[in-house]
Every structure is written in structure tokens, then in C-alpha cells.
Protein backbone atom coordinates (compact mmCIF):
# COMPACT_ATOMS: atom_id res chain seq x y z
CA UNK A 1 -61.84 10.42 10.34
CA UNK A 2 -64.19 8.89 12.90
CA UNK A 3 -65.17 11.15 15.78
CA UNK A 4 -64.20 10.30 19.37
CA UNK A 5 -66.38 10.79 22.43
CA UNK A 6 -64.60 14.06 23.20
CA UNK A 7 -65.27 15.47 19.71
CA UNK A 8 -68.87 14.18 19.72
CA UNK A 9 -69.48 15.99 23.04
CA UNK A 10 -68.05 19.22 21.61
CA UNK A 11 -70.13 18.89 18.44
CA UNK A 12 -73.31 18.34 20.49
CA UNK A 13 -72.56 21.47 22.56
CA UNK A 14 -71.99 23.48 19.36
CA UNK A 15 -75.12 22.12 17.66
CA UNK A 16 -73.17 20.31 14.90
CA UNK A 17 -74.74 17.04 16.08
CA UNK A 18 -78.30 17.22 17.41
CA UNK A 19 -79.76 14.27 19.33
CA UNK A 20 -83.38 14.19 20.44
CA UNK A 21 -84.20 11.41 22.86
CA UNK A 22 -81.99 9.36 25.12
CA UNK A 23 -78.34 10.41 24.91
CA UNK A 24 -75.43 8.23 26.02
CA UNK A 25 -72.04 8.99 24.52
CA UNK A 26 -69.76 5.96 24.15
CA UNK A 27 -66.02 6.03 23.42
CA UNK A 28 -66.63 6.12 19.65
CA UNK A 29 -70.26 7.07 19.16
CA UNK A 30 -73.74 7.42 20.61
CA UNK A 31 -75.74 4.49 21.96
CA UNK A 32 -78.63 3.54 19.69
CA UNK A 33 -81.78 2.28 21.48
CA UNK A 34 -84.71 0.38 20.01
CA UNK A 35 -87.89 2.43 19.71
CA UNK A 36 -91.45 1.64 20.76
CA UNK A 37 -92.85 -0.14 17.73
CA UNK A 38 -92.04 -2.84 15.20
CA UNK A 39 -93.48 -3.49 11.75
CA UNK A 40 -93.79 -7.18 10.86
CA UNK A 41 -94.21 -7.81 7.12
CA UNK A 42 -97.26 -9.95 6.39
CA UNK A 43 -96.25 -13.22 4.67
CA UNK A 44 -96.57 -14.22 1.01
CA UNK A 45 -96.27 -10.77 -0.56
CA UNK A 46 -94.35 -10.03 -3.75
CA UNK A 47 -92.08 -7.04 -4.20
CA UNK A 48 -91.80 -5.86 -7.80
CA UNK A 49 -90.34 -2.39 -8.35
CA UNK A 50 -91.69 -2.31 -11.92
CA UNK A 51 -95.22 -3.07 -10.75
CA UNK A 52 -95.26 -1.71 -7.18
CA UNK A 53 -97.90 -2.70 -4.67
CA UNK A 54 -98.12 -1.51 -1.10
CA UNK A 55 -96.44 -3.90 1.33
CA UNK A 56 -98.65 -4.73 4.30
CA UNK A 57 -97.34 -4.86 7.87
CA UNK A 58 -98.62 -5.77 11.28
CA UNK A 59 -97.74 -3.20 13.96
CA UNK A 60 -96.30 -4.50 17.22
CA UNK A 61 -96.20 -2.30 20.33
CA UNK A 62 -93.08 -2.93 22.40
CA UNK A 63 -94.49 -0.76 25.19
CA UNK A 64 -97.08 -3.46 25.87
CA UNK A 65 -94.66 -6.40 25.85
CA UNK A 66 -91.29 -7.50 24.42
CA UNK A 67 -91.19 -9.21 21.02
CA UNK A 68 -89.65 -12.65 20.50
CA UNK A 69 -87.63 -12.64 17.29
CA UNK A 70 -87.52 -16.27 16.21
CA UNK A 71 -84.86 -17.79 13.94
CA UNK A 72 -85.19 -16.45 10.36
CA UNK A 73 -87.69 -13.73 11.45
CA UNK A 74 -87.41 -10.27 9.94
CA UNK A 75 -88.94 -7.08 11.36
CA UNK A 76 -88.54 -3.34 10.95
CA UNK A 77 -87.83 -1.21 13.99
CA UNK A 78 -86.59 2.29 14.63
CA UNK A 79 -84.38 4.08 17.06
CA UNK A 80 -85.55 6.10 20.05
CA UNK A 81 -83.02 8.71 19.02
CA UNK A 82 -83.69 11.35 16.38
CA UNK A 83 -80.40 12.56 14.85
CA UNK A 84 -79.31 15.51 12.70
CA UNK A 85 -75.77 16.56 11.82
CA UNK A 86 -74.01 19.26 9.89
CA UNK A 87 -73.37 18.61 6.19
CA UNK A 88 -69.71 17.86 6.88
CA UNK A 89 -70.52 14.85 9.09
CA UNK A 90 -71.79 11.45 7.99
CA UNK A 91 -73.53 9.04 10.34
CA UNK A 92 -73.21 5.27 10.30
CA UNK A 93 -74.74 2.39 12.24
CA UNK A 94 -72.68 -0.23 14.03
CA UNK A 95 -74.66 -3.21 15.36
CA UNK A 96 -74.14 -4.52 18.86
CA UNK A 97 -71.74 -7.47 19.02
CA UNK A 98 -73.76 -9.17 21.78
CA UNK A 99 -76.64 -9.57 19.33
CA UNK A 100 -74.35 -10.37 16.40
CA UNK A 101 -72.90 -13.30 18.35
CA UNK A 102 -76.33 -14.92 18.45
CA UNK A 103 -77.02 -14.16 14.78
CA UNK A 104 -79.00 -10.91 14.86
CA UNK A 105 -78.36 -8.08 12.42
CA UNK A 106 -79.83 -4.62 12.97
CA UNK A 107 -79.16 -2.80 9.71
CA UNK A 108 -78.81 -5.08 6.72
CA UNK A 109 -77.70 -2.79 3.90
CA UNK A 110 -76.83 0.89 4.06
CA UNK A 111 -73.98 1.45 6.51
CA UNK A 112 -74.13 5.22 5.91
CA UNK A 113 -77.33 7.06 6.86
CA UNK A 114 -77.41 9.56 4.02
CA UNK A 115 -80.56 11.41 5.12
CA UNK A 116 -79.26 12.63 8.48
CA UNK A 117 -77.23 15.65 7.33
CA UNK A 118 -80.43 16.97 5.73
CA UNK A 119 -83.20 16.04 8.19
CA UNK A 120 -83.94 15.21 11.81
CA UNK A 121 -84.61 11.48 11.55
CA UNK A 122 -85.14 8.33 13.49
CA UNK A 123 -83.24 5.50 11.87
CA UNK A 124 -85.26 2.58 10.57
CA UNK A 125 -83.63 -0.73 11.42
CA UNK A 126 -83.89 -3.91 9.37
CA UNK A 127 -83.69 -6.54 12.10
CA UNK A 128 -83.06 -10.16 11.09
CA UNK A 129 -82.42 -13.24 13.21
CA UNK A 130 -79.90 -15.37 11.31
CA UNK A 131 -79.16 -17.55 14.32
CA UNK A 132 -80.97 -20.49 15.87
CA UNK A 133 -81.94 -18.92 19.22
CA UNK A 134 -85.04 -16.88 20.02
CA UNK A 135 -84.06 -13.27 20.79
CA UNK A 136 -86.23 -11.08 22.99
CA UNK A 137 -86.46 -7.44 21.83
CA UNK A 138 -87.31 -4.86 24.48
CA UNK A 139 -88.33 -1.22 24.03
CA UNK A 140 -85.31 0.98 24.74
CA UNK A 141 -82.85 -1.90 24.43
CA UNK A 142 -79.31 -0.91 23.44
CA UNK A 143 -79.23 -2.25 19.90
CA UNK A 144 -76.17 -0.58 18.40
CA UNK A 145 -74.09 2.57 18.10
CA UNK A 146 -74.23 5.65 15.90
CA UNK A 147 -70.77 6.39 14.53
CA UNK A 148 -69.81 9.77 13.07
CA UNK A 149 -67.11 10.70 10.58
CA UNK A 150 -66.00 14.09 9.33
CA UNK A 151 -66.04 14.65 5.58
CA UNK A 152 -63.22 16.54 3.86
CA UNK A 153 -65.74 19.25 2.87
CA UNK A 154 -69.43 19.99 3.39
CA UNK A 155 -71.94 18.24 1.15
CA UNK A 156 -73.17 20.59 -1.56
CA UNK A 157 -76.87 20.69 -2.36
CA UNK A 158 -79.83 18.89 -0.90
CA UNK A 159 -81.22 15.40 -0.92
CA UNK A 160 -84.60 14.16 -2.04
CA UNK A 161 -85.83 10.95 -0.49
CA UNK A 162 -89.18 9.26 -0.18
CA UNK A 163 -88.16 8.57 3.42
CA UNK A 164 -87.32 12.21 4.20
CA UNK A 165 -87.96 13.22 7.80
CA UNK A 166 -89.05 9.74 8.88
CA UNK A 167 -90.26 9.68 12.43
CA UNK A 168 -90.59 6.22 13.97
CA UNK A 169 -90.64 2.97 12.04
CA UNK A 170 -91.56 3.35 8.36
CA UNK A 171 -92.10 0.50 5.91
CA UNK A 172 -90.85 0.29 2.33
CA UNK A 173 -92.15 2.86 -0.15
CA UNK A 174 -92.06 1.44 -3.69
């Protein structure tokens, strides 16, 4: 069952959902805003999980100026918000349709953010321009929505992740 704005407000008041940073409750979730920094993968690198090498990135500061995401560009970003929930709530990301209509995705793979019931985390966003227009990315821009759903029972046990407690934009860890 997805949570409505009324339930989300109650859960925030009771501490079942904790949001650090800008808070705007929508009808079905919480507005997700783009953070201050992007990581731009340097070109011509090879990813091989059986022979891992550190992936190199260029940092881009959105506080200095907006970033122009050109067609076929890919960058990593993060949310301004830092989220934590109880173990009976899962959190998902829903991209903004305004950006989708010009070909931009904000979270390519994992719909469910499985680290949030265990840690306070910023969400790392995999941002890709699949369209043919340049898209200007601004710090703080509304980029999507956090959705919440109640699980039938609490998650049992913990979670180990190499991305545990990520704060800001974090690149791949092979």
C-alpha cells in the first residue's frame, strides 16, 4: 500500500519517516530535489567486476553554475534530502514527468531504495539524457518524488552495503 500525503505527514510527526533537508509533501510522496554536486565519469574507462579498477570522475559544483546535460550524457547526482524510515516502510523514486517528456531519466535501475530503512541516506541519482535537447540542471531543482509503501511486516535483520550511509553523490564502488 502506497502512503498518501496525510499518512506521510503523520509518519513524519511520529518519527517513522525522517527527512533532513528541504521538505515538501506532495499528494503521494515527498518532493526530491537535486543536490549541490554532480560526478561526471571520465571517458574511455572499462568496468570489469572481475578485475575492478577505480572509476574516475570529474566533480561539478552546481552551486557555482547550472550544468547542461547534452543528449546521451550521463552524470551522477544526489538528492538534497536525507531520508530514513522504519523497517516496515520501503522508499521508491519516481522521476519527474516534465523531464521524462524530454528524454531524461533520474534513476536508471533500482526503483526501491533498499538502504533507507537501515541508514540516513541521500539518494544517488543516475541521470541520463536520452532525448535530443540540452537539459539545464540546477541545484535544488525538483527532479522527482520519493514514494513510500508499507510492508506487511517489518524487515528482519540488517543490511550490509558498500554504499551504507552515503552522504552526497557517491560513485561506483567495485
